[in-house]
Amino acid sequence: WINKKNESKKRVKQQKELLSFNFINKNQEDLFSILGQPSLIRKSGNTITIRFDQSECFAYAYINKNDRQKKIRYFEIRDKKGEIILNKLNINSCLKSFV
């Protein structure tokens, strides 16, 4: 379980390096203006999870519920199988599908 969690963190870091736009520290309104209306907003504990669905991928943003400015603290893009997308071409294709 620990190895799987470490691997996931490594993949997210790799993806962050490939993203052409940094979503971290953007506010919720900025996110909506870029990706459109979310498919799901869920509040659980201290976290607000925002999910955007497209035919080939999902984008997830996480916000600290107690943050007054509602800034994005974590962002990732996954394919329909739930795997983090690490190919730059696929990341760009996913992001373009939201526009």
C-alpha atoms as a PDB file:
ATOM      1  CA  TRP A   1       0.000   0.000   0.000  1.00  0.00           C
ATOM      2  CA  ILE A   2       2.813   2.442   0.903  1.00  0.00           C
ATOM      3  CA  ASN A   3       4.663   1.677  -2.336  1.00  0.00           C
ATOM      4  CA  LYS A   4       1.490   2.291  -4.341  1.00  0.00           C
ATOM      5  CA  LYS A   5       0.961   5.648  -2.586  1.00  0.00           C
ATOM      6  CA  ASN A   6       4.577   6.677  -3.239  1.00  0.00           C
ATOM      7  CA  GLU A   7       4.237   5.663  -6.882  1.00  0.00           C
ATOM      8  CA  SER A   8       1.069   7.744  -7.205  1.00  0.00           C
ATOM      9  CA  LYS A   9       2.827  10.812  -5.742  1.00  0.00           C
ATOM     10  CA  LYS A  10       5.686  10.306  -8.187  1.00  0.00           C
ATOM     11  CA  ARG A  11       3.262  10.125 -11.128  1.00  0.00           C
ATOM     12  CA  VAL A  12       1.450  13.290 -10.026  1.00  0.00           C
ATOM     13  CA  LYS A  13       4.784  15.112  -9.803  1.00  0.00           C
ATOM     14  CA  GLN A  14       5.683  13.911 -13.316  1.00  0.00           C
ATOM     15  CA  GLN A  15       2.322  15.097 -14.625  1.00  0.00           C
ATOM     16  CA  LYS A  16       2.706  18.501 -12.972  1.00  0.00           C
ATOM     17  CA  GLU A  17       5.998  18.974 -14.829  1.00  0.00           C
ATOM     18  CA  LEU A  18       4.259  18.240 -18.144  1.00  0.00           C
ATOM     19  CA  LEU A  19       1.290  20.568 -17.656  1.00  0.00           C
ATOM     20  CA  SER A  20       1.590  23.700 -19.759  1.00  0.00           C
ATOM     21  CA  PHE A  21      -0.586  25.628 -17.292  1.00  0.00           C
ATOM     22  CA  ASN A  22      -0.220  25.579 -13.520  1.00  0.00           C
ATOM     23  CA  PHE A  23      -3.607  25.259 -11.805  1.00  0.00           C
ATOM     24  CA  ILE A  24      -2.153  25.297  -8.273  1.00  0.00           C
ATOM     25  CA  ASN A  25      -3.065  28.459  -6.334  1.00  0.00           C
ATOM     26  CA  LYS A  26      -5.601  29.543  -8.948  1.00  0.00           C
ATOM     27  CA  ASN A  27      -9.015  30.257  -7.501  1.00  0.00           C
ATOM     28  CA  GLN A  28     -12.213  28.355  -8.181  1.00  0.00           C
ATOM     29  CA  GLU A  29     -13.520  30.994 -10.622  1.00  0.00           C
ATOM     30  CA  ASP A  30     -10.301  30.816 -12.678  1.00  0.00           C
ATOM     31  CA  LEU A  31     -10.672  27.051 -12.856  1.00  0.00           C
ATOM     32  CA  PHE A  32     -14.292  27.295 -14.036  1.00  0.00           C
ATOM     33  CA  SER A  33     -13.392  29.881 -16.683  1.00  0.00           C
ATOM     34  CA  ILE A  34     -10.732  27.537 -18.083  1.00  0.00           C
ATOM     35  CA  LEU A  35     -12.452  24.132 -17.805  1.00  0.00           C
ATOM     36  CA  GLY A  36     -16.141  25.132 -17.754  1.00  0.00           C
ATOM     37  CA  GLN A  37     -18.743  23.964 -15.282  1.00  0.00           C
ATOM     38  CA  PRO A  38     -17.749  20.963 -13.206  1.00  0.00           C
ATOM     39  CA  SER A  39     -19.523  17.623 -13.372  1.00  0.00           C
ATOM     40  CA  LEU A  40     -19.258  17.174  -9.616  1.00  0.00           C
ATOM     41  CA  ILE A  41     -18.492  19.235  -6.539  1.00  0.00           C
ATOM     42  CA  ARG A  42     -18.200  17.260  -3.319  1.00  0.00           C
ATOM     43  CA  LYS A  43     -17.496  18.548   0.165  1.00  0.00           C
ATOM     44  CA  SER A  44     -16.037  16.016   2.555  1.00  0.00           C
ATOM     45  CA  GLY A  45     -14.244  16.868   5.773  1.00  0.00           C
ATOM     46  CA  ASN A  46     -11.909  19.782   5.082  1.00  0.00           C
ATOM     47  CA  THR A  47     -11.736  19.115   1.338  1.00  0.00           C
ATOM     48  CA  ILE A  48     -13.746  20.324  -1.639  1.00  0.00           C
ATOM     49  CA  THR A  49     -13.290  18.005  -4.616  1.00  0.00           C
ATOM     50  CA  ILE A  50     -14.155  19.387  -8.047  1.00  0.00           C
ATOM     51  CA  ARG A  51     -14.343  16.963 -10.982  1.00  0.00           C
ATOM     52  CA  PHE A  52     -14.576  17.814 -14.666  1.00  0.00           C
ATOM     53  CA  ASP A  53     -15.594  15.013 -17.047  1.00  0.00           C
ATOM     54  CA  GLN A  54     -14.852  14.642 -20.741  1.00  0.00           C
ATOM     55  CA  SER A  55     -15.194  11.659 -23.037  1.00  0.00           C
ATOM     56  CA  GLU A  56     -11.511  10.712 -22.749  1.00  0.00           C
ATOM     57  CA  CYS A  57     -10.469  12.006 -19.333  1.00  0.00           C
ATOM     58  CA  PHE A  58     -11.255  13.508 -15.944  1.00  0.00           C
ATOM     59  CA  ALA A  59      -9.678  16.540 -14.283  1.00  0.00           C
ATOM     60  CA  TYR A  60      -9.712  16.787 -10.508  1.00  0.00           C
ATOM     61  CA  ALA A  61      -9.055  19.850  -8.367  1.00  0.00           C
ATOM     62  CA  TYR A  62      -8.897  19.897  -4.594  1.00  0.00           C
ATOM     63  CA  ILE A  63      -9.463  22.921  -2.364  1.00  0.00           C
ATOM     64  CA  ASN A  64      -9.135  23.295   1.397  1.00  0.00           C
ATOM     65  CA  LYS A  65     -12.703  23.939   2.563  1.00  0.00           C
ATOM     66  CA  ASN A  66     -11.466  26.420   5.194  1.00  0.00           C
ATOM     67  CA  ASP A  67      -9.519  28.526   2.673  1.00  0.00           C
ATOM     68  CA  ARG A  68     -11.411  31.822   2.266  1.00  0.00           C
ATOM     69  CA  GLN A  69      -9.873  32.440  -1.156  1.00  0.00           C
ATOM     70  CA  LYS A  70     -10.778  28.910  -2.372  1.00  0.00           C
ATOM     71  CA  LYS A  71      -7.414  28.326  -4.069  1.00  0.00           C
ATOM     72  CA  ILE A  72      -6.587  25.065  -5.821  1.00  0.00           C
ATOM     73  CA  ARG A  73      -4.168  23.068  -3.667  1.00  0.00           C
ATOM     74  CA  TYR A  74      -3.925  19.934  -5.812  1.00  0.00           C
ATOM     75  CA  PHE A  75      -4.753  19.185  -9.459  1.00  0.00           C
ATOM     76  CA  GLU A  76      -4.528  16.038 -11.583  1.00  0.00           C
ATOM     77  CA  ILE A  77      -5.752  14.591 -14.868  1.00  0.00           C
ATOM     78  CA  ARG A  78      -6.730  10.929 -15.200  1.00  0.00           C
ATOM     79  CA  ASP A  79      -7.845   8.733 -18.067  1.00  0.00           C
ATOM     80  CA  LYS A  80     -11.142   6.837 -18.039  1.00  0.00           C
ATOM     81  CA  LYS A  81      -9.432   3.865 -16.373  1.00  0.00           C
ATOM     82  CA  GLY A  82      -8.464   6.109 -13.454  1.00  0.00           C
ATOM     83  CA  GLU A  83      -4.749   6.218 -14.273  1.00  0.00           C
ATOM     84  CA  ILE A  84      -2.833   9.491 -14.075  1.00  0.00           C
ATOM     85  CA  ILE A  85      -2.012  10.661 -17.609  1.00  0.00           C
ATOM     86  CA  LEU A  86       1.753  11.079 -18.077  1.00  0.00           C
ATOM     87  CA  ASN A  87       2.011  11.574 -21.832  1.00  0.00           C
ATOM     88  CA  LYS A  88       2.234  15.292 -22.721  1.00  0.00           C
ATOM     89  CA  LEU A  89       0.266  14.819 -25.949  1.00  0.00           C
ATOM     90  CA  ASN A  90      -2.552  13.078 -24.058  1.00  0.00           C
ATOM     91  CA  ILE A  91      -2.540  15.746 -21.341  1.00  0.00           C
ATOM     92  CA  ASN A  92      -2.865  18.494 -23.928  1.00  0.00           C
ATOM     93  CA  SER A  93      -5.548  16.587 -25.784  1.00  0.00           C
ATOM     94  CA  CYS A  94      -7.510  16.198 -22.560  1.00  0.00           C
ATOM     95  CA  LEU A  95      -7.216  19.891 -21.662  1.00  0.00           C
ATOM     96  CA  LYS A  96      -8.256  20.938 -25.180  1.00  0.00           C
ATOM     97  CA  SER A  97     -11.402  18.821 -24.886  1.00  0.00           C
ATOM     98  CA  PHE A  98     -12.603  21.131 -22.091  1.00  0.00           C
ATOM     99  CA  VAL A  99     -12.334  24.284 -24.207  1.00  0.00           C
END
